[in-house]
């Protein structure tokens, strides 16, 4: 599995969280434009990204290139990630996930778990 890390903040920290959860996952840190393009062209299976709102800088390019139906805002300020919603998003085939940087320790494990359970 290949996961690309985009968004605007905490990219290296998010990549480290993914590697801590499963070191067999191939990760790449890119700009949000390059990250979304990697998913669109099949160079990556999933996109994760963080910003301060959860949907703006985290997902704007992914929404533009992959389409809104392929993207999910996992958390926003004052709205923590909900595991059931992430599982549903993954099962619906969504490929890009955005969240607020302060929720990364919660959101990333939930996203990885949902993806791995789908596979």
N, C-alpha and C. Protein backbone atom coordinates (compact mmCIF):
# COMPACT_ATOMS: atom_id res chain seq x y z
N UNK A 1 0.83 -1.17 0.00
CA UNK A 1 0.00 0.00 0.00
C UNK A 1 0.88 1.24 0.00
N UNK A 2 0.47 2.24 -0.76
CA UNK A 2 1.21 3.50 -0.83
C UNK A 2 0.30 4.64 -0.38
N UNK A 3 0.78 5.41 0.58
CA UNK A 3 0.04 6.56 1.09
C UNK A 3 0.89 7.80 0.90
N UNK A 4 0.30 8.80 0.30
CA UNK A 4 1.00 10.06 0.11
C UNK A 4 0.48 11.06 1.14
N UNK A 5 1.40 11.83 1.71
CA UNK A 5 1.05 12.83 2.72
C UNK A 5 1.15 14.20 2.08
N UNK A 6 0.02 14.89 2.05
CA UNK A 6 -0.05 16.24 1.50
C UNK A 6 -0.50 17.20 2.58
N UNK A 7 -1.35 18.13 2.21
CA UNK A 7 -1.84 19.10 3.18
C UNK A 7 -0.83 20.20 3.43
N UNK A 8 -1.10 20.99 4.45
CA UNK A 8 -0.29 22.18 4.70
C UNK A 8 0.61 22.11 5.93
N UNK A 9 0.31 21.24 6.88
CA UNK A 9 1.08 21.23 8.12
C UNK A 9 1.40 19.81 8.58
N UNK A 10 2.45 19.68 9.36
CA UNK A 10 2.82 18.45 10.08
C UNK A 10 3.01 17.22 9.19
N UNK A 11 3.50 17.42 7.99
CA UNK A 11 3.63 16.30 7.05
C UNK A 11 4.57 15.21 7.57
N UNK A 12 5.73 15.60 8.05
CA UNK A 12 6.70 14.61 8.55
C UNK A 12 6.16 13.87 9.76
N UNK A 13 5.46 14.58 10.65
CA UNK A 13 4.87 13.94 11.82
C UNK A 13 3.81 12.92 11.41
N UNK A 14 3.01 13.26 10.41
CA UNK A 14 1.98 12.35 9.92
C UNK A 14 2.63 11.13 9.28
N UNK A 15 3.67 11.35 8.50
CA UNK A 15 4.38 10.22 7.90
C UNK A 15 4.94 9.31 9.00
N UNK A 16 5.50 9.88 10.04
CA UNK A 16 6.03 9.08 11.15
C UNK A 16 4.94 8.28 11.84
N UNK A 17 3.77 8.87 12.02
CA UNK A 17 2.65 8.15 12.63
C UNK A 17 2.26 6.94 11.78
N UNK A 18 2.19 7.13 10.48
CA UNK A 18 1.85 6.02 9.58
C UNK A 18 2.88 4.90 9.72
N UNK A 19 4.16 5.26 9.71
CA UNK A 19 5.23 4.27 9.82
C UNK A 19 5.21 3.55 11.17
N UNK A 20 4.85 4.26 12.24
CA UNK A 20 4.74 3.64 13.56
C UNK A 20 3.63 2.59 13.57
N UNK A 21 2.54 2.87 12.88
CA UNK A 21 1.40 1.96 12.84
C UNK A 21 1.72 0.73 11.99
N UNK A 22 2.33 0.96 10.82
CA UNK A 22 2.64 -0.15 9.92
C UNK A 22 3.83 0.23 9.04
N UNK A 23 4.98 -0.29 9.38
CA UNK A 23 6.20 0.06 8.65
C UNK A 23 6.23 -0.50 7.23
N UNK A 24 5.30 -1.38 6.90
CA UNK A 24 5.28 -1.93 5.54
C UNK A 24 4.57 -1.00 4.55
N UNK A 25 3.90 0.03 5.06
CA UNK A 25 3.23 1.00 4.18
C UNK A 25 4.28 1.92 3.58
N UNK A 26 4.26 2.06 2.27
CA UNK A 26 5.14 3.00 1.59
C UNK A 26 4.52 4.39 1.71
N UNK A 27 5.32 5.34 2.18
CA UNK A 27 4.83 6.72 2.33
C UNK A 27 5.68 7.66 1.49
N UNK A 28 5.04 8.73 1.06
CA UNK A 28 5.72 9.80 0.33
C UNK A 28 5.17 11.12 0.84
N UNK A 29 6.02 12.08 1.12
CA UNK A 29 5.60 13.41 1.52
C UNK A 29 5.76 14.32 0.31
N UNK A 30 4.67 15.00 -0.06
CA UNK A 30 4.68 15.86 -1.24
C UNK A 30 3.86 17.12 -0.97
N UNK A 31 3.94 18.06 -1.89
CA UNK A 31 3.04 19.21 -1.81
C UNK A 31 1.62 18.69 -2.02
N UNK A 32 0.63 19.47 -1.62
CA UNK A 32 -0.74 18.99 -1.78
C UNK A 32 -1.10 18.73 -3.24
N UNK A 33 -0.59 19.55 -4.15
CA UNK A 33 -0.85 19.34 -5.58
C UNK A 33 -0.20 18.04 -6.07
N UNK A 34 1.07 17.85 -5.73
CA UNK A 34 1.78 16.62 -6.15
C UNK A 34 1.17 15.38 -5.50
N UNK A 35 0.73 15.51 -4.26
CA UNK A 35 0.14 14.37 -3.56
C UNK A 35 -1.18 13.95 -4.20
N UNK A 36 -2.03 14.91 -4.49
CA UNK A 36 -3.31 14.59 -5.13
C UNK A 36 -3.07 14.00 -6.52
N UNK A 37 -2.11 14.53 -7.24
CA UNK A 37 -1.79 14.01 -8.57
C UNK A 37 -1.27 12.57 -8.48
N UNK A 38 -0.52 12.26 -7.43
CA UNK A 38 0.00 10.89 -7.26
C UNK A 38 -1.15 9.89 -7.11
N UNK A 39 -2.20 10.27 -6.40
CA UNK A 39 -3.36 9.38 -6.27
C UNK A 39 -4.09 9.30 -7.60
N UNK A 40 -4.27 10.44 -8.25
CA UNK A 40 -4.99 10.47 -9.53
C UNK A 40 -4.31 9.61 -10.59
N UNK A 41 -2.98 9.59 -10.60
CA UNK A 41 -2.24 8.84 -11.62
C UNK A 41 -1.90 7.41 -11.19
N UNK A 42 -2.34 7.02 -10.00
CA UNK A 42 -2.11 5.65 -9.54
C UNK A 42 -0.75 5.41 -8.91
N UNK A 43 0.02 6.48 -8.66
CA UNK A 43 1.31 6.33 -7.99
C UNK A 43 1.15 6.12 -6.49
N UNK A 44 -0.02 6.46 -5.97
CA UNK A 44 -0.33 6.26 -4.55
C UNK A 44 -1.77 5.77 -4.44
N UNK A 45 -2.04 5.02 -3.39
CA UNK A 45 -3.39 4.49 -3.18
C UNK A 45 -4.28 5.45 -2.41
N UNK A 46 -3.67 6.16 -1.45
CA UNK A 46 -4.44 7.05 -0.58
C UNK A 46 -3.65 8.33 -0.31
N UNK A 47 -4.41 9.38 0.03
CA UNK A 47 -3.88 10.70 0.37
C UNK A 47 -4.35 11.03 1.78
N UNK A 48 -3.45 11.49 2.61
CA UNK A 48 -3.82 12.06 3.91
C UNK A 48 -3.15 13.41 4.04
N UNK A 49 -3.85 14.35 4.69
CA UNK A 49 -3.27 15.67 4.85
C UNK A 49 -3.93 16.42 5.99
N UNK A 50 -3.17 17.32 6.56
CA UNK A 50 -3.67 18.12 7.67
C UNK A 50 -3.53 19.61 7.38
N UNK A 51 -4.42 20.36 7.98
CA UNK A 51 -4.33 21.82 7.98
C UNK A 51 -5.00 22.29 9.27
N UNK A 52 -5.30 23.56 9.37
CA UNK A 52 -5.89 24.07 10.60
C UNK A 52 -7.41 23.98 10.62
N UNK A 53 -8.03 23.70 9.46
CA UNK A 53 -9.49 23.58 9.41
C UNK A 53 -9.96 22.17 9.09
N UNK A 54 -9.07 21.32 8.60
CA UNK A 54 -9.42 19.94 8.28
C UNK A 54 -9.88 19.71 6.86
N UNK A 55 -10.30 20.76 6.17
CA UNK A 55 -10.79 20.58 4.81
C UNK A 55 -10.20 21.55 3.81
N UNK A 56 -9.74 22.69 4.25
CA UNK A 56 -9.19 23.70 3.34
C UNK A 56 -7.87 23.28 2.76
N UNK A 57 -6.79 23.65 3.43
CA UNK A 57 -5.44 23.32 2.95
C UNK A 57 -5.15 21.83 2.96
N UNK A 58 -5.89 21.08 3.75
CA UNK A 58 -5.67 19.63 3.80
C UNK A 58 -6.19 18.96 2.54
N UNK A 59 -7.33 19.42 2.02
CA UNK A 59 -7.99 18.69 0.93
C UNK A 59 -8.29 19.49 -0.33
N UNK A 60 -8.01 20.77 -0.37
CA UNK A 60 -8.42 21.59 -1.51
C UNK A 60 -7.94 21.01 -2.85
N UNK A 61 -6.68 20.67 -2.95
CA UNK A 61 -6.16 20.13 -4.22
C UNK A 61 -6.69 18.73 -4.49
N UNK A 62 -6.86 17.95 -3.45
CA UNK A 62 -7.43 16.60 -3.64
C UNK A 62 -8.86 16.71 -4.16
N UNK A 63 -9.64 17.63 -3.62
CA UNK A 63 -11.01 17.82 -4.10
C UNK A 63 -10.99 18.28 -5.55
N UNK A 64 -10.08 19.19 -5.87
CA UNK A 64 -10.00 19.71 -7.24
C UNK A 64 -9.61 18.63 -8.24
N UNK A 65 -8.66 17.78 -7.88
CA UNK A 65 -8.15 16.78 -8.83
C UNK A 65 -8.88 15.45 -8.78
N UNK A 66 -9.34 15.04 -7.60
CA UNK A 66 -9.96 13.73 -7.45
C UNK A 66 -11.48 13.80 -7.41
N UNK A 67 -12.01 14.99 -7.13
CA UNK A 67 -13.45 15.17 -7.00
C UNK A 67 -13.91 15.01 -5.57
N UNK A 68 -14.88 15.80 -5.19
CA UNK A 68 -15.40 15.77 -3.82
C UNK A 68 -15.87 14.38 -3.37
N UNK A 69 -16.50 13.58 -4.26
CA UNK A 69 -16.95 12.25 -3.81
C UNK A 69 -15.81 11.32 -3.38
N UNK A 70 -14.57 11.62 -3.73
CA UNK A 70 -13.43 10.78 -3.37
C UNK A 70 -12.68 11.30 -2.14
N UNK A 71 -13.21 12.34 -1.50
CA UNK A 71 -12.51 12.99 -0.39
C UNK A 71 -13.40 13.04 0.85
N UNK A 72 -12.75 12.99 2.00
CA UNK A 72 -13.48 13.02 3.27
C UNK A 72 -12.76 13.91 4.27
N UNK A 73 -13.49 14.87 4.83
CA UNK A 73 -12.96 15.66 5.94
C UNK A 73 -13.23 14.86 7.21
N UNK A 74 -12.17 14.40 7.84
CA UNK A 74 -12.26 13.51 8.99
C UNK A 74 -12.48 14.28 10.29
N UNK A 75 -11.90 15.48 10.38
CA UNK A 75 -12.09 16.29 11.58
C UNK A 75 -11.98 17.76 11.22
N UNK A 76 -12.56 18.58 12.09
CA UNK A 76 -12.51 20.03 11.96
C UNK A 76 -12.31 20.60 13.36
N UNK A 77 -12.02 21.89 13.48
CA UNK A 77 -11.87 22.46 14.82
C UNK A 77 -13.13 22.19 15.65
N UNK A 78 -12.95 21.60 16.81
CA UNK A 78 -14.06 21.31 17.70
C UNK A 78 -14.85 20.06 17.33
N UNK A 79 -14.46 19.38 16.26
CA UNK A 79 -15.17 18.16 15.82
C UNK A 79 -14.14 17.06 15.62
N UNK A 80 -14.05 16.18 16.59
CA UNK A 80 -13.05 15.11 16.56
C UNK A 80 -13.41 14.05 15.52
N UNK A 81 -12.41 13.26 15.10
CA UNK A 81 -12.67 12.17 14.16
C UNK A 81 -13.62 11.13 14.77
N UNK A 82 -14.48 10.57 13.93
CA UNK A 82 -15.41 9.52 14.35
C UNK A 82 -15.09 8.28 13.53
N UNK A 83 -14.68 7.22 14.23
CA UNK A 83 -14.21 6.02 13.54
C UNK A 83 -15.24 5.44 12.58
N UNK A 84 -16.50 5.41 12.96
CA UNK A 84 -17.53 4.84 12.09
C UNK A 84 -17.64 5.61 10.77
N UNK A 85 -17.50 6.93 10.82
CA UNK A 85 -17.57 7.74 9.61
C UNK A 85 -16.37 7.47 8.70
N UNK A 86 -15.21 7.24 9.30
CA UNK A 86 -14.01 6.93 8.52
C UNK A 86 -14.16 5.57 7.86
N UNK A 87 -14.65 4.59 8.60
CA UNK A 87 -14.88 3.25 8.04
C UNK A 87 -15.84 3.33 6.87
N UNK A 88 -16.91 4.10 7.02
CA UNK A 88 -17.89 4.27 5.95
C UNK A 88 -17.24 4.94 4.74
N UNK A 89 -16.46 5.97 4.96
CA UNK A 89 -15.80 6.68 3.86
C UNK A 89 -14.88 5.75 3.09
N UNK A 90 -14.09 4.95 3.79
CA UNK A 90 -13.18 4.01 3.13
C UNK A 90 -13.98 2.96 2.36
N UNK A 91 -15.06 2.45 2.96
CA UNK A 91 -15.86 1.43 2.28
C UNK A 91 -16.56 1.99 1.05
N UNK A 92 -16.82 3.30 1.05
CA UNK A 92 -17.41 3.95 -0.12
C UNK A 92 -16.38 4.24 -1.21
N UNK A 93 -15.12 3.94 -0.93
CA UNK A 93 -14.07 4.12 -1.93
C UNK A 93 -13.36 5.45 -1.91
N UNK A 94 -13.55 6.23 -0.85
CA UNK A 94 -12.87 7.52 -0.77
C UNK A 94 -11.37 7.29 -0.64
N UNK A 95 -10.59 8.16 -1.27
CA UNK A 95 -9.14 7.99 -1.35
C UNK A 95 -8.35 9.08 -0.64
N UNK A 96 -8.99 10.20 -0.31
CA UNK A 96 -8.28 11.33 0.29
C UNK A 96 -8.96 11.72 1.60
N UNK A 97 -8.13 11.92 2.63
CA UNK A 97 -8.65 12.19 3.97
C UNK A 97 -7.94 13.40 4.56
N UNK A 98 -8.72 14.38 4.99
CA UNK A 98 -8.17 15.58 5.60
C UNK A 98 -8.62 15.71 7.04
N UNK A 99 -7.77 16.31 7.87
CA UNK A 99 -8.07 16.47 9.28
C UNK A 99 -7.27 17.63 9.82
N UNK A 100 -7.65 18.09 11.01
CA UNK A 100 -6.88 19.15 11.64
C UNK A 100 -5.62 18.56 12.26
N UNK A 101 -4.58 19.35 12.25
CA UNK A 101 -3.28 18.88 12.74
C UNK A 101 -3.37 18.43 14.20
N UNK A 102 -4.20 19.07 15.00
CA UNK A 102 -4.28 18.68 16.41
C UNK A 102 -5.00 17.35 16.61
N UNK A 103 -5.61 16.80 15.58
CA UNK A 103 -6.26 15.50 15.67
C UNK A 103 -5.46 14.39 15.00
N UNK A 104 -4.25 14.68 14.56
CA UNK A 104 -3.50 13.68 13.78
C UNK A 104 -3.26 12.38 14.54
N UNK A 105 -3.00 12.47 15.85
CA UNK A 105 -2.73 11.25 16.64
C UNK A 105 -3.96 10.35 16.74
N UNK A 106 -5.13 10.90 16.57
CA UNK A 106 -6.37 10.12 16.59
C UNK A 106 -6.79 9.73 15.18
N UNK A 107 -6.74 10.68 14.25
CA UNK A 107 -7.25 10.46 12.89
C UNK A 107 -6.41 9.45 12.11
N UNK A 108 -5.10 9.59 12.15
CA UNK A 108 -4.24 8.71 11.34
C UNK A 108 -4.43 7.24 11.70
N UNK A 109 -4.40 6.85 12.98
CA UNK A 109 -4.62 5.43 13.29
C UNK A 109 -6.00 4.93 12.82
N UNK A 110 -7.02 5.78 12.95
CA UNK A 110 -8.36 5.38 12.51
C UNK A 110 -8.40 5.16 11.00
N UNK A 111 -7.76 6.05 10.26
CA UNK A 111 -7.73 5.94 8.79
C UNK A 111 -6.98 4.68 8.37
N UNK A 112 -5.80 4.47 8.95
CA UNK A 112 -5.00 3.29 8.59
C UNK A 112 -5.75 2.02 8.93
N UNK A 113 -6.36 1.96 10.10
CA UNK A 113 -7.12 0.77 10.51
C UNK A 113 -8.26 0.49 9.51
N UNK A 114 -8.98 1.53 9.14
CA UNK A 114 -10.10 1.35 8.21
C UNK A 114 -9.62 0.86 6.86
N UNK A 115 -8.52 1.43 6.38
CA UNK A 115 -7.96 1.00 5.08
C UNK A 115 -7.50 -0.46 5.14
N UNK A 116 -6.79 -0.80 6.21
CA UNK A 116 -6.27 -2.17 6.33
C UNK A 116 -7.40 -3.19 6.48
N UNK A 117 -8.46 -2.81 7.17
CA UNK A 117 -9.59 -3.72 7.34
C UNK A 117 -10.39 -3.89 6.05
N UNK A 118 -10.30 -2.91 5.17
CA UNK A 118 -10.99 -3.01 3.87
C UNK A 118 -10.24 -3.96 2.95
N UNK A 119 -8.91 -3.91 3.02
CA UNK A 119 -8.08 -4.69 2.10
C UNK A 119 -8.17 -6.17 2.35
